[in-house]
Amino acid sequence: MASTSSAYSACANTDTFCQIRVYQQEVIVVPVLFLMMFLVILVFLLLMKFCPEKVDRLQPNSKQSARNRRNLQGIDAPVGLNALEGEHIALDTTSYKTFTPSSTIKEEYTSDSLSVNVAFPNGRGSFGATASAFTKPKELPRQRLPENFNGVSPLPSSYSLKSDSVSLYRARMENRNVVLRVLKDSASKQENQSFLGFAAFLSQLGPNPFIPELLGIVSLRAPLITVMEEMEHRDLLGFLWRCRQDKVGLEGICEMTEKKIYTMALHVSTALDYLHNKDLLHCNIKARSVLVSSMFTAKLWGFGDLYARTSENTNHREDLGRKKWQAPELLVKRPATPKSDVWSFGLLLYEMVTLGEVPFAEIPVTELLQYHQRAKTLKKPHNCSNSLYSIIKACCQWKEQDRPSLAEVRRKLQSGEKSANDSVVLRVPEPINVEQYLKEAGYGESNYTVF
């Protein structure tokens, strides 16, 4: 202290730098340490608020390993897929009674008891080279989803007309709208197994910008839930029906133009090409199997039949409403090929340009094969351009070898999109009669559904 005082007294009153050097610890070092501690605490608090998964990595190894063990109990998920295992789900509705933890469900549907036999045949009926990568997914890291869903409410009945084992809810998650596919109380053990198997199938399918995004899976508690991104305009068929009128109430104005048909068809063809590259055949291409986002992005859906075929589900029943869209080789029970999807894709274009009419509406399902054998083609819709109609006709050729490949179809769509009319809005004054539509499409009952 005496030395410090003597050093200080040696400094002139106006020599500030001399005085700072004497008291550098008190003036510089200590404040800098306090500032660094403040910054570290601030960064940690920001991480806890906005990036909780990174904070988890900073926890002690014992806590982290325990949390990892819990996460590994669910369905294996690829990078970017969040798992909701063990998280609390708060629903703002009282209509669903089983949104509480259930030990029996948790014990019964762990990953050890879930056995999903998934095989991916290629167009020739054999198994593709990429199939093994799907049947044995690797354990990959998962992110933590929020503990609560906000604003959960049942979707309107118009969203799904089919009564099956799944209920649909809309919710908010991380400032975005999502759809919750919730397995009902009355579901059997086989339906539980199928529900989880389909979720595993979607997670293994991988992300694609033109396939609806799977955001999370609840598989260790009742009820079982898959969380999907919401496609605000719902299925393409309903969207086309709403486009028949000038105004669509609160949903705004539908403006389906020829250019938009080309653009949305390119979206679907991109997703279909993604499946074909994985040796997967959709075999259910139609407007009802396409979902539309708020930005009018078309995303391919309708994977239930694909999962049933690849999982070798013996209880799978064929959908009678698919026959109007099936290629001739499928009507005679021959193996499907990529050209079979090309046929159905041509009929999807027909649905889009007619704003949701049934292809071959005047032909009964029982006479459809004979009609195709006589080399009959679809009549040109009154508001369809020659270039678009030529693509439809090329896709719907009787012989598979006469149909263009999907790559050729995509090239024609890209070329047509550049010169397509984007100013004339397609309109059909008559609304759709749903009962008549179901009859013309070959449905035995009203089993129309979206998810």
Protein backbone atom coordinates (compact mmCIF):
# COMPACT_ATOMS: atom_id res chain seq x y z
CA MET A 1 0.00 0.00 0.00
CA ALA A 2 2.88 2.29 0.83
CA SER A 3 4.53 1.52 -2.48
CA THR A 4 1.31 2.28 -4.32
CA SER A 5 0.95 5.56 -2.47
CA SER A 6 4.53 6.51 -3.22
CA ALA A 7 4.07 5.60 -6.87
CA TYR A 8 0.90 7.63 -6.98
CA SER A 9 2.61 10.59 -5.35
CA ALA A 10 5.31 10.35 -7.99
CA CYS A 11 2.71 10.99 -10.66
CA ALA A 12 1.95 14.53 -11.62
CA ASN A 13 -1.63 15.68 -11.02
CA THR A 14 -2.19 16.09 -14.75
CA ASP A 15 -0.58 12.76 -15.75
CA THR A 16 -3.72 10.59 -16.18
CA PHE A 17 -1.92 7.71 -17.89
CA CYS A 18 0.51 7.44 -14.99
CA GLN A 19 -2.34 7.17 -12.53
CA ILE A 20 -4.10 4.48 -14.67
CA ARG A 21 -0.92 2.40 -14.77
CA VAL A 22 -0.76 2.52 -10.98
CA TYR A 23 -4.40 1.45 -10.56
CA GLN A 24 -4.71 -0.73 -13.73
CA GLN A 25 -6.12 -3.71 -11.82
CA GLU A 26 -8.95 -1.69 -10.31
CA VAL A 27 -9.58 0.47 -13.40
CA ILE A 28 -9.13 -2.04 -16.28
CA VAL A 29 -8.84 -5.71 -15.29
CA VAL A 30 -11.77 -6.00 -12.90
CA PRO A 31 -14.29 -4.13 -15.12
CA VAL A 32 -13.25 -6.22 -18.12
CA LEU A 33 -13.81 -9.44 -16.17
CA PHE A 34 -17.26 -8.26 -15.06
CA LEU A 35 -18.12 -7.33 -18.66
CA MET A 36 -17.04 -10.76 -19.96
CA MET A 37 -19.12 -12.51 -17.29
CA PHE A 38 -22.12 -10.39 -18.26
CA LEU A 39 -21.72 -11.27 -21.94
CA VAL A 40 -21.40 -15.00 -21.19
CA ILE A 41 -24.56 -14.96 -19.05
CA LEU A 42 -26.41 -12.95 -21.72
CA VAL A 43 -25.45 -15.41 -24.48
CA PHE A 44 -26.52 -18.35 -22.31
CA LEU A 45 -29.91 -16.76 -21.59
CA LEU A 46 -30.45 -16.07 -25.29
CA LEU A 47 -29.59 -19.69 -26.10
CA MET A 48 -32.07 -20.91 -23.50
CA LYS A 49 -34.80 -18.78 -25.05
CA PHE A 50 -34.19 -19.31 -28.76
CA CYS A 51 -32.02 -22.45 -29.08
CA PRO A 52 -32.86 -24.82 -26.21
CA GLU A 53 -31.42 -27.79 -28.07
CA LYS A 54 -27.96 -26.19 -27.95
CA VAL A 55 -28.29 -25.61 -24.22
CA ASP A 56 -29.01 -29.31 -23.83
CA ARG A 57 -25.60 -30.09 -25.26
CA LEU A 58 -24.01 -27.97 -22.52
CA GLN A 59 -25.68 -29.96 -19.74
CA PRO A 60 -23.69 -32.54 -17.72
CA ASN A 61 -23.11 -35.86 -19.48
CA SER A 62 -25.34 -37.77 -17.07
CA LYS A 63 -28.39 -35.62 -17.85
CA GLN A 64 -27.62 -35.62 -21.55
CA SER A 65 -27.25 -39.40 -21.71
CA ALA A 66 -30.53 -39.87 -19.82
CA ARG A 67 -32.29 -37.56 -22.25
CA ASN A 68 -30.76 -39.38 -25.22
CA ARG A 69 -31.97 -42.70 -23.85
CA ARG A 70 -35.50 -41.29 -23.72
CA ASN A 71 -35.28 -39.97 -27.28
CA LEU A 72 -34.00 -43.28 -28.62
CA GLN A 73 -37.20 -45.03 -27.52
CA GLY A 74 -39.27 -43.55 -30.33
CA ILE A 75 -39.26 -43.99 -34.10
CA ASP A 76 -35.90 -43.43 -35.80
CA ALA A 77 -35.99 -40.09 -37.55
CA PRO A 78 -33.75 -38.41 -40.15
CA VAL A 79 -31.97 -35.12 -39.65
CA GLY A 80 -34.43 -32.26 -39.25
CA LEU A 81 -37.30 -34.43 -37.98
CA ASN A 82 -38.40 -33.46 -34.50
CA ALA A 83 -39.67 -36.05 -32.03
CA LEU A 84 -42.32 -35.18 -29.47
CA GLU A 85 -41.61 -38.18 -27.23
CA GLY A 86 -42.55 -37.51 -23.63
CA GLU A 87 -43.49 -33.87 -24.18
CA HIS A 88 -46.62 -32.38 -22.64
CA ILE A 89 -49.33 -31.54 -25.19
CA ALA A 90 -51.90 -28.96 -24.14
CA LEU A 91 -55.09 -28.95 -26.20
CA ASP A 92 -57.63 -26.15 -26.10
CA THR A 93 -60.52 -28.53 -26.68
CA THR A 94 -62.52 -30.91 -24.52
CA SER A 95 -63.90 -33.03 -27.34
CA TYR A 96 -61.02 -35.47 -27.23
CA LYS A 97 -60.71 -37.32 -23.91
CA THR A 98 -57.45 -39.20 -24.08
CA PHE A 99 -54.94 -36.38 -24.20
CA THR A 100 -53.35 -37.69 -21.00
CA PRO A 101 -50.34 -39.98 -20.55
CA SER A 102 -51.06 -43.69 -20.65
CA SER A 103 -48.55 -46.19 -19.36
CA THR A 104 -50.14 -49.05 -21.29
CA ILE A 105 -49.75 -47.30 -24.59
CA LYS A 106 -46.22 -46.27 -23.71
CA GLU A 107 -45.23 -49.84 -22.90
CA GLU A 108 -47.04 -51.37 -25.85
CA TYR A 109 -45.74 -49.12 -28.64
CA THR A 110 -42.07 -48.63 -27.97
CA SER A 111 -39.65 -49.11 -30.83
CA ASP A 112 -38.96 -52.67 -29.65
CA SER A 113 -42.56 -53.70 -30.25
CA LEU A 114 -42.91 -51.76 -33.51
CA SER A 115 -42.03 -54.03 -36.39
CA VAL A 116 -42.56 -52.43 -39.79
CA ASN A 117 -41.86 -54.58 -42.80
CA VAL A 118 -41.21 -52.09 -45.60
CA ALA A 119 -40.16 -53.22 -49.06
CA PHE A 120 -39.79 -50.92 -52.05
CA PRO A 121 -40.40 -52.70 -55.35
CA ASN A 122 -39.31 -51.07 -58.56
CA GLY A 123 -41.25 -50.89 -61.77
CA ARG A 124 -40.42 -54.48 -62.74
CA GLY A 125 -41.62 -56.02 -59.52
CA SER A 126 -38.15 -56.63 -58.08
CA PHE A 127 -36.55 -54.68 -55.26
CA GLY A 128 -34.63 -51.51 -55.96
CA ALA A 129 -31.07 -50.87 -54.86
CA THR A 130 -32.10 -48.00 -52.61
CA ALA A 131 -34.68 -50.04 -50.70
CA SER A 132 -32.29 -51.32 -48.03
CA ALA A 133 -31.54 -47.77 -46.93
CA PHE A 134 -35.21 -47.36 -45.94
CA THR A 135 -35.74 -50.65 -44.14
CA LYS A 136 -32.86 -50.09 -41.70
CA PRO A 137 -32.76 -46.38 -40.80
CA LYS A 138 -29.82 -45.17 -38.75
CA GLU A 139 -30.24 -43.54 -35.35
CA LEU A 140 -29.88 -39.82 -35.91
CA PRO A 141 -30.09 -36.81 -33.59
CA ARG A 142 -33.40 -35.16 -32.85
CA GLN A 143 -34.42 -31.68 -31.86
CA ARG A 144 -36.81 -30.83 -29.07
CA LEU A 145 -40.28 -29.64 -29.98
CA PRO A 146 -42.18 -27.07 -27.89
CA GLU A 147 -43.98 -28.47 -24.87
CA ASN A 148 -47.37 -27.12 -25.92
CA PHE A 149 -49.47 -26.86 -29.02
CA ASN A 150 -51.49 -23.66 -29.06
CA GLY A 151 -54.99 -23.03 -30.36
CA VAL A 152 -55.86 -26.67 -31.04
CA SER A 153 -59.25 -27.07 -32.70
CA PRO A 154 -60.95 -29.80 -34.75
CA LEU A 155 -60.81 -29.22 -38.47
CA PRO A 156 -64.18 -28.60 -40.17
CA SER A 157 -66.04 -31.56 -41.56
CA SER A 158 -65.39 -30.29 -45.09
CA TYR A 159 -61.70 -31.07 -44.57
CA SER A 160 -62.43 -34.79 -44.48
CA LEU A 161 -65.64 -36.60 -45.37
CA LYS A 162 -64.41 -40.03 -44.40
CA SER A 163 -64.93 -41.43 -40.91
CA ASP A 164 -61.98 -43.66 -40.07
CA SER A 165 -59.61 -44.18 -37.16
CA VAL A 166 -57.89 -40.78 -37.50
CA SER A 167 -59.14 -37.37 -36.35
CA LEU A 168 -57.69 -34.16 -37.76
CA TYR A 169 -56.91 -31.07 -35.71
CA ARG A 170 -55.40 -27.70 -36.54
CA ALA A 171 -52.85 -26.23 -34.13
CA ARG A 172 -50.12 -23.63 -33.83
CA MET A 173 -46.55 -24.78 -33.27
CA GLU A 174 -43.55 -22.45 -33.32
CA ASN A 175 -45.57 -19.68 -35.01
CA ARG A 176 -46.78 -21.88 -37.84
CA ASN A 177 -49.98 -23.77 -38.57
CA VAL A 178 -49.82 -27.54 -38.37
CA VAL A 179 -52.24 -30.42 -38.78
CA LEU A 180 -52.38 -33.09 -36.07
CA ARG A 181 -53.33 -36.57 -37.26
CA VAL A 182 -54.66 -38.09 -34.04
CA LEU A 183 -55.50 -41.77 -33.65
CA LYS A 184 -58.95 -42.23 -32.10
CA ASP A 185 -59.71 -44.04 -28.86
CA SER A 186 -61.57 -46.76 -30.71
CA ALA A 187 -58.57 -47.75 -32.84
CA SER A 188 -57.59 -51.40 -32.70
CA LYS A 189 -54.09 -52.69 -32.01
CA GLN A 190 -53.64 -53.31 -35.73
CA GLU A 191 -54.68 -49.73 -36.50
CA ASN A 192 -52.19 -48.49 -33.89
CA GLN A 193 -49.47 -50.54 -35.54
CA SER A 194 -50.43 -49.29 -39.01
CA PHE A 195 -50.52 -45.67 -37.77
CA LEU A 196 -46.98 -45.90 -36.39
CA GLY A 197 -45.78 -47.81 -39.42
CA PHE A 198 -47.07 -45.11 -41.75
CA ALA A 199 -45.35 -42.45 -39.62
CA ALA A 200 -42.10 -44.40 -39.85
CA PHE A 201 -42.58 -44.72 -43.61
CA LEU A 202 -43.01 -40.95 -43.99
CA SER A 203 -39.95 -40.23 -41.87
CA GLN A 204 -37.84 -42.63 -43.94
CA LEU A 205 -39.13 -41.13 -47.18
CA GLY A 206 -37.08 -38.04 -46.48
CA PRO A 207 -37.74 -34.32 -47.09
CA ASN A 208 -38.76 -32.90 -50.44
CA PRO A 209 -40.10 -29.39 -51.16
CA PHE A 210 -43.07 -30.87 -53.04
CA ILE A 211 -44.07 -33.46 -50.44
CA PRO A 212 -45.92 -32.33 -47.25
CA GLU A 213 -43.43 -31.99 -44.40
CA LEU A 214 -43.60 -34.35 -41.44
CA LEU A 215 -42.75 -32.22 -38.39
CA GLY A 216 -42.98 -34.66 -35.51
CA ILE A 217 -44.31 -37.91 -34.09
CA VAL A 218 -45.85 -38.70 -30.71
CA SER A 219 -45.49 -42.46 -30.31
CA LEU A 220 -44.95 -43.17 -26.60
CA ARG A 221 -48.18 -41.86 -25.11
CA ALA A 222 -51.88 -41.77 -25.86
CA PRO A 223 -53.04 -40.54 -28.25
CA LEU A 224 -50.62 -41.35 -31.05
CA ILE A 225 -50.06 -38.25 -33.19
CA THR A 226 -48.24 -37.27 -36.35
CA VAL A 227 -47.65 -33.56 -36.90
CA MET A 228 -47.79 -32.36 -40.50
CA GLU A 229 -47.42 -28.93 -42.03
CA GLU A 230 -50.79 -27.43 -42.85
CA MET A 231 -51.61 -26.97 -46.51
CA GLU A 232 -54.00 -24.06 -46.30
CA HIS A 233 -55.85 -24.68 -49.57
CA ARG A 234 -56.26 -28.36 -48.64
CA ASP A 235 -56.54 -30.91 -51.45
CA LEU A 236 -56.31 -29.90 -55.10
CA LEU A 237 -59.69 -31.40 -55.99
CA GLY A 238 -61.54 -29.26 -53.45
CA PHE A 239 -59.46 -26.27 -54.53
CA LEU A 240 -60.51 -26.82 -58.17
CA TRP A 241 -64.15 -27.10 -57.14
CA ARG A 242 -63.93 -23.80 -55.27
CA CYS A 243 -62.34 -22.21 -58.33
CA ARG A 244 -65.55 -22.85 -60.27
CA GLN A 245 -67.14 -19.80 -58.68
CA ASP A 246 -65.88 -16.23 -58.92
CA LYS A 247 -65.59 -15.74 -55.17
CA VAL A 248 -64.68 -18.21 -52.47
CA GLY A 249 -65.98 -16.50 -49.33
CA LEU A 250 -63.35 -15.89 -46.69
CA GLU A 251 -60.72 -17.87 -48.56
CA GLY A 252 -60.32 -15.23 -51.21
CA ILE A 253 -60.48 -15.57 -54.96
CA CYS A 254 -59.32 -18.66 -56.83
CA GLU A 255 -57.58 -17.80 -60.06
CA MET A 256 -56.63 -20.96 -61.92
CA THR A 257 -54.95 -20.07 -65.18
CA GLU A 258 -53.26 -22.22 -67.78
CA LYS A 259 -49.85 -21.05 -66.57
CA LYS A 260 -50.72 -22.05 -63.00
CA ILE A 261 -51.70 -25.51 -64.28
CA TYR A 262 -48.26 -25.93 -65.83
CA THR A 263 -46.54 -24.65 -62.67
CA MET A 264 -48.47 -26.87 -60.26
CA ALA A 265 -48.09 -29.85 -62.58
CA LEU A 266 -44.33 -29.29 -62.52
CA HIS A 267 -44.43 -29.36 -58.72
CA VAL A 268 -46.20 -32.73 -58.73
CA SER A 269 -43.94 -34.15 -61.43
CA THR A 270 -40.87 -33.17 -59.39
CA ALA A 271 -42.18 -35.08 -56.37
CA LEU A 272 -43.10 -38.03 -58.59
CA ASP A 273 -39.63 -38.06 -60.09
CA TYR A 274 -38.23 -38.06 -56.53
CA LEU A 275 -40.26 -41.21 -55.78
CA HIS A 276 -39.26 -42.93 -59.01
CA ASN A 277 -35.60 -42.31 -58.23
CA LYS A 278 -36.17 -44.26 -55.02
CA ASP A 279 -37.79 -47.14 -56.96
CA LEU A 280 -41.22 -46.18 -55.58
CA LEU A 281 -44.39 -46.09 -57.67
CA HIS A 282 -47.23 -43.92 -56.44
CA CYS A 283 -50.08 -45.55 -58.43
CA ASN A 284 -52.64 -43.10 -57.03
CA ILE A 285 -51.95 -39.86 -58.93
CA LYS A 286 -55.09 -37.72 -58.97
CA ALA A 287 -56.21 -34.28 -57.80
CA ARG A 288 -57.40 -35.76 -54.51
CA SER A 289 -53.81 -36.92 -53.82
CA VAL A 290 -52.33 -33.43 -54.16
CA LEU A 291 -52.34 -30.74 -51.45
CA VAL A 292 -52.06 -27.00 -52.08
CA SER A 293 -50.30 -24.50 -49.81
CA SER A 294 -51.19 -20.86 -49.21
CA MET A 295 -48.55 -19.93 -51.82
CA PHE A 296 -50.22 -22.29 -54.35
CA THR A 297 -47.41 -24.82 -54.13
CA ALA A 298 -48.72 -28.26 -55.09
CA LYS A 299 -47.39 -31.14 -52.97
CA LEU A 300 -47.90 -34.81 -53.70
CA TRP A 301 -49.74 -36.80 -51.01
CA GLY A 302 -51.94 -39.91 -51.01
CA PHE A 303 -49.20 -42.25 -49.74
CA GLY A 304 -51.54 -44.55 -47.82
CA ASP A 305 -51.83 -47.02 -50.67
CA LEU A 306 -48.09 -46.86 -51.34
CA TYR A 307 -47.37 -47.67 -47.70
CA ALA A 308 -49.90 -50.53 -47.74
CA ARG A 309 -48.24 -52.05 -50.80
CA THR A 310 -44.68 -51.65 -49.56
CA SER A 311 -45.53 -52.98 -46.09
CA GLU A 312 -47.26 -56.00 -47.64
CA ASN A 313 -50.46 -55.30 -45.73
CA THR A 314 -52.66 -58.34 -46.29
CA ASN A 315 -55.76 -56.50 -45.04
CA HIS A 316 -55.40 -53.69 -47.57
CA ARG A 317 -58.54 -53.18 -49.62
CA GLU A 318 -58.40 -51.66 -53.08
CA ASP A 319 -60.01 -48.25 -53.42
CA LEU A 320 -62.73 -48.47 -56.06
CA GLY A 321 -62.42 -44.74 -56.67
CA ARG A 322 -58.96 -45.22 -58.20
CA LYS A 323 -60.00 -47.21 -61.25
CA LYS A 324 -60.94 -44.17 -63.35
CA TRP A 325 -57.32 -42.99 -62.96
CA GLN A 326 -55.60 -46.36 -63.34
CA ALA A 327 -53.61 -47.27 -66.42
CA PRO A 328 -54.96 -50.18 -68.54
CA GLU A 329 -52.20 -52.53 -67.35
CA LEU A 330 -53.33 -52.03 -63.76
CA LEU A 331 -56.96 -52.70 -64.69
CA VAL A 332 -55.90 -56.14 -65.98
CA LYS A 333 -53.82 -56.76 -62.80
CA ARG A 334 -50.42 -56.47 -64.48
CA PRO A 335 -47.45 -55.04 -62.53
CA ALA A 336 -47.21 -51.27 -62.38
CA THR A 337 -44.36 -49.40 -64.06
CA PRO A 338 -43.31 -45.71 -64.06
CA LYS A 339 -45.39 -45.35 -67.23
CA SER A 340 -48.45 -46.27 -65.15
CA ASP A 341 -47.91 -43.12 -63.11
CA VAL A 342 -47.47 -41.17 -66.36
CA TRP A 343 -50.97 -42.29 -67.45
CA SER A 344 -52.49 -41.09 -64.17
CA PHE A 345 -50.52 -37.85 -64.39
CA GLY A 346 -52.18 -37.11 -67.75
CA LEU A 347 -55.59 -37.51 -66.09
CA LEU A 348 -54.46 -35.17 -63.31
CA LEU A 349 -53.85 -32.52 -65.98
CA TYR A 350 -57.37 -33.20 -67.30
CA GLU A 351 -58.80 -32.65 -63.81
CA MET A 352 -56.95 -29.37 -63.46
CA VAL A 353 -58.04 -27.90 -66.79
CA THR A 354 -61.69 -28.96 -66.22
CA LEU A 355 -61.64 -27.67 -62.61
CA GLY A 356 -62.31 -31.02 -61.06
CA GLU A 357 -64.34 -33.13 -63.47
CA VAL A 358 -64.10 -36.93 -63.41
CA PRO A 359 -62.13 -38.33 -66.37
CA PHE A 360 -64.20 -40.71 -68.51
CA ALA A 361 -67.23 -39.58 -66.49
CA GLU A 362 -69.74 -41.09 -68.92
CA ILE A 363 -68.10 -44.54 -68.88
CA PRO A 364 -69.05 -46.98 -66.07
CA VAL A 365 -66.12 -48.55 -64.25
CA THR A 366 -67.13 -52.01 -65.47
CA GLU A 367 -66.81 -50.88 -69.11
CA LEU A 368 -63.65 -48.82 -68.70
CA LEU A 369 -61.16 -51.43 -69.92
CA GLN A 370 -63.14 -52.14 -73.08
CA TYR A 371 -63.34 -48.39 -73.70
CA HIS A 372 -59.54 -48.11 -73.51
CA GLN A 373 -59.10 -51.15 -75.76
CA ARG A 374 -61.02 -49.36 -78.51
CA ALA A 375 -58.29 -46.65 -78.41
CA LYS A 376 -60.76 -44.03 -77.23
CA THR A 377 -59.21 -40.85 -75.87
CA LEU A 378 -60.38 -38.06 -73.63
CA LYS A 379 -62.28 -35.31 -75.35
CA LYS A 380 -60.58 -31.95 -75.46
CA PRO A 381 -62.01 -29.62 -72.77
CA HIS A 382 -63.39 -26.40 -74.15
CA ASN A 383 -60.88 -24.18 -72.30
CA CYS A 384 -57.83 -26.38 -72.90
CA SER A 385 -55.04 -25.24 -75.22
CA ASN A 386 -53.70 -27.50 -77.96
CA SER A 387 -50.28 -27.79 -76.31
CA LEU A 388 -51.73 -28.90 -72.96
CA TYR A 389 -54.15 -31.31 -74.64
CA SER A 390 -51.29 -32.87 -76.59
CA ILE A 391 -49.52 -33.68 -73.30
CA ILE A 392 -52.70 -35.23 -71.89
CA LYS A 393 -53.17 -37.40 -74.99
CA ALA A 394 -49.52 -38.47 -75.02
CA CYS A 395 -49.69 -39.58 -71.38
CA CYS A 396 -52.88 -41.58 -71.92
CA GLN A 397 -51.77 -43.94 -74.68
CA TRP A 398 -52.96 -47.56 -74.54
CA LYS A 399 -49.50 -49.05 -74.98
CA GLU A 400 -46.93 -48.24 -72.32
CA GLN A 401 -44.14 -47.87 -74.86
CA ASP A 402 -46.13 -45.15 -76.65
CA ARG A 403 -46.30 -42.96 -73.56
CA PRO A 404 -43.54 -40.44 -72.89
CA SER A 405 -41.23 -40.89 -69.95
CA LEU A 406 -41.70 -38.70 -66.92
CA ALA A 407 -38.55 -36.77 -67.89
CA GLU A 408 -40.07 -36.03 -71.31
CA VAL A 409 -43.33 -34.91 -69.72
CA ARG A 410 -41.45 -32.56 -67.44
CA ARG A 411 -39.57 -31.05 -70.38
CA LYS A 412 -42.87 -30.41 -72.17
CA LEU A 413 -44.33 -28.82 -69.04
CA GLN A 414 -41.32 -26.55 -68.66
CA SER A 415 -41.56 -25.51 -72.29
CA GLY A 416 -45.32 -24.96 -72.08
CA GLU A 417 -45.05 -22.93 -68.88
CA LYS A 418 -42.98 -20.27 -70.64
CA SER A 419 -45.66 -19.50 -73.23
CA ALA A 420 -48.79 -20.37 -71.23
CA ASN A 421 -51.57 -17.82 -70.76
CA ASP A 422 -51.55 -16.28 -67.28
CA SER A 423 -54.27 -13.68 -67.79
CA VAL A 424 -57.37 -15.73 -68.65
CA VAL A 425 -58.88 -17.26 -65.51
CA LEU A 426 -60.58 -20.62 -66.01
CA ARG A 427 -64.19 -20.67 -64.82
CA VAL A 428 -66.98 -23.24 -64.82
CA PRO A 429 -70.32 -21.78 -63.72
CA GLU A 430 -71.86 -25.03 -62.47
CA PRO A 431 -70.86 -26.16 -58.95
CA ILE A 432 -69.98 -29.80 -58.42
CA ASN A 433 -72.70 -32.22 -57.37
CA VAL A 434 -70.76 -34.38 -54.92
CA GLU A 435 -73.14 -37.35 -55.11
CA GLN A 436 -72.97 -37.36 -58.90
CA TYR A 437 -69.19 -37.00 -58.77
CA LEU A 438 -68.83 -40.00 -56.45
CA LYS A 439 -71.04 -42.06 -58.73
CA GLU A 440 -69.13 -41.08 -61.88
CA ALA A 441 -65.79 -41.70 -60.14
CA GLY A 442 -66.87 -45.22 -59.18
CA TYR A 443 -67.07 -44.81 -55.40
CA GLY A 444 -69.39 -47.15 -53.59
CA GLU A 445 -69.72 -44.72 -50.68
CA SER A 446 -68.54 -41.29 -49.58
CA ASN A 447 -65.00 -42.11 -48.51
CA TYR A 448 -63.38 -38.91 -49.65
CA THR A 449 -60.56 -37.80 -47.36
CA VAL A 450 -57.52 -35.51 -47.41
CA PHE A 451 -55.00 -36.76 -44.87
